[in-house]
PDB file of all heavy atoms in Angstrom:
ATOM      1  N   ALA A   1       1.238  -7.666 239.997  1.00  0.00           N
ATOM      2  CA  ALA A   1       2.237  -6.637 239.704  1.00  0.00           C
ATOM      3  C   ALA A   1       1.729  -5.256 240.092  1.00  0.00           C
ATOM      4  O   ALA A   1       2.471  -4.430 240.645  1.00  0.00           O
ATOM      5  CB  ALA A   1       2.608  -6.672 238.226  1.00  0.00           C
ATOM      6  N   SER A   2       0.456  -4.990 239.821  1.00  0.00           N
ATOM      7  CA  SER A   2      -0.122  -3.703 240.192  1.00  0.00           C
ATOM      8  C   SER A   2      -0.094  -3.511 241.705  1.00  0.00           C
ATOM      9  O   SER A   2       0.259  -2.436 242.204  1.00  0.00           O
ATOM     10  CB  SER A   2      -1.562  -3.618 239.676  1.00  0.00           C
ATOM     11  OG  SER A   2      -2.161  -2.403 240.061  1.00  0.00           O
ATOM     12  N   ASP A   3      -0.438  -4.568 242.429  1.00  0.00           N
ATOM     13  CA  ASP A   3      -0.431  -4.486 243.895  1.00  0.00           C
ATOM     14  C   ASP A   3       0.979  -4.327 244.455  1.00  0.00           C
ATOM     15  O   ASP A   3       1.184  -3.647 245.465  1.00  0.00           O
ATOM     16  CB  ASP A   3      -1.074  -5.739 244.497  1.00  0.00           C
ATOM     17  CG  ASP A   3      -2.562  -5.842 244.185  1.00  0.00           C
ATOM     18  OD1 ASP A   3      -3.154  -4.798 243.853  1.00  0.00           O
ATOM     19  OD2 ASP A   3      -3.108  -6.959 244.260  1.00  0.00           O
ATOM     20  N   ALA A   4       1.956  -4.956 243.777  1.00  0.00           N
ATOM     21  CA  ALA A   4       3.326  -4.943 244.285  1.00  0.00           C
ATOM     22  C   ALA A   4       4.083  -3.663 243.947  1.00  0.00           C
ATOM     23  O   ALA A   4       5.064  -3.321 244.603  1.00  0.00           O
ATOM     24  CB  ALA A   4       4.099  -6.143 243.736  1.00  0.00           C
ATOM     25  N   SER A   5       3.611  -2.942 242.938  1.00  0.00           N
ATOM     26  CA  SER A   5       4.326  -1.742 242.512  1.00  0.00           C
ATOM     27  C   SER A   5       4.138  -0.592 243.502  1.00  0.00           C
ATOM     28  O   SER A   5       3.046  -0.395 244.055  1.00  0.00           O
ATOM     29  CB  SER A   5       3.841  -1.307 241.125  1.00  0.00           C
ATOM     30  OG  SER A   5       4.475  -0.108 240.719  1.00  0.00           O
ATOM     31  N   ASP A   6       5.191   0.180 243.699  1.00  0.00           N
ATOM     32  CA  ASP A   6       5.120   1.355 244.572  1.00  0.00           C
ATOM     33  C   ASP A   6       4.800   2.629 243.792  1.00  0.00           C
ATOM     34  O   ASP A   6       4.571   3.678 244.383  1.00  0.00           O
ATOM     35  CB  ASP A   6       6.462   1.541 245.300  1.00  0.00           C
ATOM     36  CG  ASP A   6       6.766   0.394 246.242  1.00  0.00           C
ATOM     37  OD1 ASP A   6       5.812  -0.163 246.809  1.00  0.00           O
ATOM     38  OD2 ASP A   6       7.962   0.046 246.393  1.00  0.00           O
ATOM     39  N   ASP A   7       4.805   2.515 242.468  1.00  0.00           N
ATOM     40  CA  ASP A   7       4.597   3.680 241.606  1.00  0.00           C
ATOM     41  C   ASP A   7       3.116   3.780 241.232  1.00  0.00           C
ATOM     42  O   ASP A   7       2.562   2.862 240.607  1.00  0.00           O
ATOM     43  CB  ASP A   7       5.461   3.546 240.349  1.00  0.00           C
ATOM     44  CG  ASP A   7       5.467   4.800 239.503  1.00  0.00           C
ATOM     45  OD1 ASP A   7       4.413   5.453 239.395  1.00  0.00           O
ATOM     46  OD2 ASP A   7       6.535   5.121 238.931  1.00  0.00           O
ATOM     47  N   PRO A   8       2.438   4.874 241.579  1.00  0.00           N
ATOM     48  CA  PRO A   8       1.006   5.031 241.242  1.00  0.00           C
ATOM     49  C   PRO A   8       0.731   4.906 239.743  1.00  0.00           C
ATOM     50  O   PRO A   8      -0.320   4.382 239.351  1.00  0.00           O
ATOM     51  CB  PRO A   8       0.676   6.439 241.742  1.00  0.00           C
ATOM     52  CG  PRO A   8       1.689   6.705 242.807  1.00  0.00           C
ATOM     53  CD  PRO A   8       2.944   6.022 242.365  1.00  0.00           C
ATOM     54  N   PHE A   9       1.666   5.389 238.915  1.00  0.00           N
ATOM     55  CA  PHE A   9       1.487   5.282 237.466  1.00  0.00           C
ATOM     56  C   PHE A   9       1.410   3.821 237.040  1.00  0.00           C
ATOM     57  O   PHE A   9       0.516   3.418 236.286  1.00  0.00           O
ATOM     58  CB  PHE A   9       2.632   5.969 236.722  1.00  0.00           C
ATOM     59  CG  PHE A   9       2.696   5.606 235.260  1.00  0.00           C
ATOM     60  CD1 PHE A   9       1.823   6.187 234.359  1.00  0.00           C
ATOM     61  CD2 PHE A   9       3.611   4.664 234.798  1.00  0.00           C
ATOM     62  CE1 PHE A   9       1.870   5.842 233.009  1.00  0.00           C
ATOM     63  CE2 PHE A   9       3.660   4.308 233.466  1.00  0.00           C
ATOM     64  CZ  PHE A   9       2.786   4.906 232.562  1.00  0.00           C
ATOM     65  N   HIS A  10       2.366   3.001 237.504  1.00  0.00           N
ATOM     66  CA  HIS A  10       2.388   1.589 237.120  1.00  0.00           C
ATOM     67  C   HIS A  10       1.169   0.846 237.661  1.00  0.00           C
ATOM     68  O   HIS A  10       0.613  -0.039 236.988  1.00  0.00           O
ATOM     69  CB  HIS A  10       3.672   0.925 237.616  1.00  0.00           C
ATOM     70  CG  HIS A  10       4.898   1.386 236.892  1.00  0.00           C
ATOM     71  ND1 HIS A  10       4.978   1.400 235.515  1.00  0.00           N
ATOM     72  CD2 HIS A  10       6.107   1.838 237.344  1.00  0.00           C
ATOM     73  CE1 HIS A  10       6.173   1.850 235.142  1.00  0.00           C
ATOM     74  NE2 HIS A  10       6.866   2.120 236.239  1.00  0.00           N
ATOM     75  N   LYS A  11       0.739   1.194 238.867  1.00  0.00           N
ATOM     76  CA  LYS A  11      -0.468   0.563 239.411  1.00  0.00           C
ATOM     77  C   LYS A  11      -1.660   0.773 238.480  1.00  0.00           C
ATOM     78  O   LYS A  11      -2.400  -0.150 238.162  1.00  0.00           O
ATOM     79  CB  LYS A  11      -0.782   1.158 240.797  1.00  0.00           C
ATOM     80  CG  LYS A  11       0.101   0.638 241.925  1.00  0.00           C
ATOM     81  CD  LYS A  11      -0.327   1.281 243.246  1.00  0.00           C
ATOM     82  CE  LYS A  11       0.453   0.727 244.415  1.00  0.00           C
ATOM     83  NZ  LYS A  11       0.142  -0.701 244.673  1.00  0.00           N
ATOM     84  N   GLU A  12      -1.825   2.021 238.042  1.00  0.00           N
ATOM     85  CA  GLU A  12      -2.955   2.349 237.184  1.00  0.00           C
ATOM     86  C   GLU A  12      -2.785   1.772 235.778  1.00  0.00           C
ATOM     87  O   GLU A  12      -3.758   1.307 235.164  1.00  0.00           O
ATOM     88  CB  GLU A  12      -3.115   3.868 237.108  1.00  0.00           C
ATOM     89  CG  GLU A  12      -4.375   4.343 236.379  1.00  0.00           C
ATOM     90  CD  GLU A  12      -5.657   3.944 237.115  1.00  0.00           C
ATOM     91  OE1 GLU A  12      -5.585   3.616 238.322  1.00  0.00           O
ATOM     92  OE2 GLU A  12      -6.722   3.970 236.485  1.00  0.00           O
ATOM     93  N   GLN A  13      -1.542   1.794 235.259  1.00  0.00           N
ATOM     94  CA  GLN A  13      -1.294   1.280 233.911  1.00  0.00           C
ATOM     95  C   GLN A  13      -1.615  -0.207 233.823  1.00  0.00           C
ATOM     96  O   GLN A  13      -2.231  -0.673 232.853  1.00  0.00           O
ATOM     97  CB  GLN A  13       0.172   1.515 233.523  1.00  0.00           C
ATOM     98  CG  GLN A  13       0.499   1.180 232.069  1.00  0.00           C
ATOM     99  CD  GLN A  13      -0.071   2.207 231.110  1.00  0.00           C
ATOM    100  OE1 GLN A  13       0.402   3.334 231.036  1.00  0.00           O
ATOM    101  NE2 GLN A  13      -1.102   1.829 230.382  1.00  0.00           N
ATOM    102  N   PHE A  14      -1.210  -0.973 234.815  1.00  0.00           N
ATOM    103  CA  PHE A  14      -1.535  -2.399 234.827  1.00  0.00           C
ATOM    104  C   PHE A  14      -3.047  -2.609 234.865  1.00  0.00           C
ATOM    105  O   PHE A  14      -3.592  -3.458 234.143  1.00  0.00           O
ATOM    106  CB  PHE A  14      -0.878  -3.096 236.029  1.00  0.00           C
ATOM    107  CG  PHE A  14       0.527  -3.547 235.780  1.00  0.00           C
ATOM    108  CD1 PHE A  14       1.589  -2.990 236.491  1.00  0.00           C
ATOM    109  CD2 PHE A  14       0.805  -4.542 234.852  1.00  0.00           C
ATOM    110  CE1 PHE A  14       2.897  -3.413 236.263  1.00  0.00           C
ATOM    111  CE2 PHE A  14       2.102  -4.969 234.617  1.00  0.00           C
ATOM    112  CZ  PHE A  14       3.149  -4.403 235.334  1.00  0.00           C
ATOM    113  N   LYS A  15      -3.746  -1.846 235.689  1.00  0.00           N
ATOM    114  CA  LYS A  15      -5.198  -2.005 235.812  1.00  0.00           C
ATOM    115  C   LYS A  15      -5.905  -1.716 234.487  1.00  0.00           C
ATOM    116  O   LYS A  15      -6.809  -2.451 234.067  1.00  0.00           O
ATOM    117  CB  LYS A  15      -5.734  -1.086 236.905  1.00  0.00           C
ATOM    118  CG  LYS A  15      -5.340  -1.505 238.315  1.00  0.00           C
ATOM    119  CD  LYS A  15      -5.851  -0.502 239.347  1.00  0.00           C
ATOM    120  CE  LYS A  15      -5.430  -0.891 240.761  1.00  0.00           C
ATOM    121  NZ  LYS A  15      -5.880   0.099 241.775  1.00  0.00           N
ATOM    122  N   LEU A  16      -5.488  -0.643 233.817  1.00  0.00           N
ATOM    123  CA  LEU A  16      -6.119  -0.281 232.547  1.00  0.00           C
ATOM    124  C   LEU A  16      -5.782  -1.292 231.456  1.00  0.00           C
ATOM    125  O   LEU A  16      -6.626  -1.602 230.596  1.00  0.00           O
ATOM    126  CB  LEU A  16      -5.679   1.123 232.137  1.00  0.00           C
ATOM    127  CG  LEU A  16      -6.193   2.257 233.028  1.00  0.00           C
ATOM    128  CD1 LEU A  16      -5.584   3.588 232.597  1.00  0.00           C
ATOM    129  CD2 LEU A  16      -7.719   2.323 232.989  1.00  0.00           C
ATOM    130  N   ALA A  17      -4.554  -1.822 231.468  1.00  0.00           N
ATOM    131  CA  ALA A  17      -4.162  -2.827 230.480  1.00  0.00           C
ATOM    132  C   ALA A  17      -4.993  -4.096 230.657  1.00  0.00           C
ATOM    133  O   ALA A  17      -5.403  -4.737 229.678  1.00  0.00           O
ATOM    134  CB  ALA A  17      -2.677  -3.139 230.608  1.00  0.00           C
ATOM    135  N   ILE A  18      -5.253  -4.451 231.909  1.00  0.00           N
ATOM    136  CA  ILE A  18      -6.095  -5.617 232.187  1.00  0.00           C
ATOM    137  C   ILE A  18      -7.502  -5.400 231.642  1.00  0.00           C
ATOM    138  O   ILE A  18      -8.100  -6.289 231.021  1.00  0.00           O
ATOM    139  CB  ILE A  18      -6.154  -5.891 233.705  1.00  0.00           C
ATOM    140  CG1 ILE A  18      -4.793  -6.356 234.220  1.00  0.00           C
ATOM    141  CG2 ILE A  18      -7.209  -6.958 234.013  1.00  0.00           C
ATOM    142  CD1 ILE A  18      -4.723  -6.428 235.740  1.00  0.00           C
ATOM    143  N   LYS A  19      -8.057  -4.205 231.870  1.00  0.00           N
ATOM    144  CA  LYS A  19      -9.400  -3.903 231.372  1.00  0.00           C
ATOM    145  C   LYS A  19      -9.462  -4.021 229.851  1.00  0.00           C
ATOM    146  O   LYS A  19     -10.440  -4.529 229.295  1.00  0.00           O
ATOM    147  CB  LYS A  19      -9.810  -2.489 231.796  1.00  0.00           C
ATOM    148  CG  LYS A  19     -10.147  -2.357 233.275  1.00  0.00           C
ATOM    149  CD  LYS A  19     -10.593  -0.937 233.596  1.00  0.00           C
ATOM    150  CE  LYS A  19     -10.934  -0.788 235.072  1.00  0.00           C
ATOM    151  NZ  LYS A  19     -11.357   0.597 235.402  1.00  0.00           N
ATOM    152  N   SER A  20      -8.420  -3.548 229.182  1.00  0.00           N
ATOM    153  CA  SER A  20      -8.384  -3.617 227.725  1.00  0.00           C
ATOM    154  C   SER A  20      -8.406  -5.060 227.240  1.00  0.00           C
ATOM    155  O   SER A  20      -9.171  -5.429 226.341  1.00  0.00           O
ATOM    156  CB  SER A  20      -7.126  -2.908 227.204  1.00  0.00           C
ATOM    157  OG  SER A  20      -7.006  -3.044 225.802  1.00  0.00           O
ATOM    158  N   VAL A  21      -7.573  -5.911 227.857  1.00  0.00           N
ATOM    159  CA  VAL A  21      -7.493  -7.315 227.454  1.00  0.00           C
ATOM    160  C   VAL A  21      -8.798  -8.046 227.749  1.00  0.00           C
ATOM    161  O   VAL A  21      -9.319  -8.798 226.906  1.00  0.00           O
ATOM    162  CB  VAL A  21      -6.304  -8.014 228.152  1.00  0.00           C
ATOM    163  CG1 VAL A  21      -6.355  -9.513 227.917  1.00  0.00           C
ATOM    164  CG2 VAL A  21      -4.984  -7.444 227.648  1.00  0.00           C
ATOM    165  N   THR A  22      -9.345  -7.840 228.937  1.00  0.00           N
ATOM    166  CA  THR A  22     -10.577  -8.557 229.300  1.00  0.00           C
ATOM    167  C   THR A  22     -11.762  -8.113 228.448  1.00  0.00           C
ATOM    168  O   THR A  22     -12.622  -8.923 228.095  1.00  0.00           O
ATOM    169  CB  THR A  22     -10.910  -8.347 230.797  1.00  0.00           C
ATOM    170  OG1 THR A  22     -10.929  -6.947 231.093  1.00  0.00           O
ATOM    171  CG2 THR A  22      -9.873  -9.017 231.676  1.00  0.00           C
ATOM    172  N   SER A  23     -11.802  -6.840 228.102  1.00  0.00           N
ATOM    173  CA  SER A  23     -12.878  -6.350 227.241  1.00  0.00           C
ATOM    174  C   SER A  23     -12.799  -6.983 225.850  1.00  0.00           C
ATOM    175  O   SER A  23     -13.811  -7.438 225.302  1.00  0.00           O
ATOM    176  CB  SER A  23     -12.802  -4.820 227.131  1.00  0.00           C
ATOM    177  OG  SER A  23     -13.781  -4.336 226.237  1.00  0.00           O
ATOM    178  N   CYS A  24     -11.593  -7.030 225.287  1.00  0.00           N
ATOM    179  CA  CYS A  24     -11.408  -7.651 223.967  1.00  0.00           C
ATOM    180  C   CYS A  24     -11.729  -9.139 224.010  1.00  0.00           C
ATOM    181  O   CYS A  24     -12.311  -9.692 223.071  1.00  0.00           O
ATOM    182  CB  CYS A  24      -9.977  -7.442 223.483  1.00  0.00           C
ATOM    183  SG  CYS A  24      -9.569  -5.737 223.044  1.00  0.00           S
ATOM    184  N   THR A  25     -11.370  -9.797 225.115  1.00  0.00           N
ATOM    185  CA  THR A  25     -11.658 -11.222 225.260  1.00  0.00           C
ATOM    186  C   THR A  25     -13.152 -11.472 225.310  1.00  0.00           C
ATOM    187  O   THR A  25     -13.669 -12.391 224.670  1.00  0.00           O
ATOM    188  CB  THR A  25     -10.985 -11.784 226.536  1.00  0.00           C
ATOM    189  OG1 THR A  25      -9.592 -11.546 226.485  1.00  0.00           O
ATOM    190  CG2 THR A  25     -11.239 -13.281 226.649  1.00  0.00           C
ATOM    191  N   SER A  26     -13.875 -10.676 226.070  1.00  0.00           N
ATOM    192  CA  SER A  26     -15.327 -10.836 226.174  1.00  0.00           C
ATOM    193  C   SER A  26     -15.995 -10.683 224.818  1.00  0.00           C
ATOM    194  O   SER A  26     -16.917 -11.433 224.465  1.00  0.00           O
ATOM    195  CB  SER A  26     -15.893  -9.805 227.158  1.00  0.00           C
ATOM    196  OG  SER A  26     -15.376 -10.008 228.452  1.00  0.00           O
ATOM    197  N   THR A  27     -15.533  -9.721 224.038  1.00  0.00           N
ATOM    198  CA  THR A  27     -16.098  -9.494 222.707  1.00  0.00           C
ATOM    199  C   THR A  27     -15.861 -10.694 221.807  1.00  0.00           C
ATOM    200  O   THR A  27     -16.765 -11.135 221.075  1.00  0.00           O
ATOM    201  CB  THR A  27     -15.477  -8.236 222.075  1.00  0.00           C
ATOM    202  OG1 THR A  27     -15.628  -7.134 222.961  1.00  0.00           O
ATOM    203  CG2 THR A  27     -16.149  -7.914 220.750  1.00  0.00           C
TER     204      THR A  27
END
């Protein structure tokens, strides 16, 4: 979705949301 989006905001929002989920999962 981040790659497919044309909006820079959505690209970054998806990336940061992924980081949040993966960090919580690792913990």
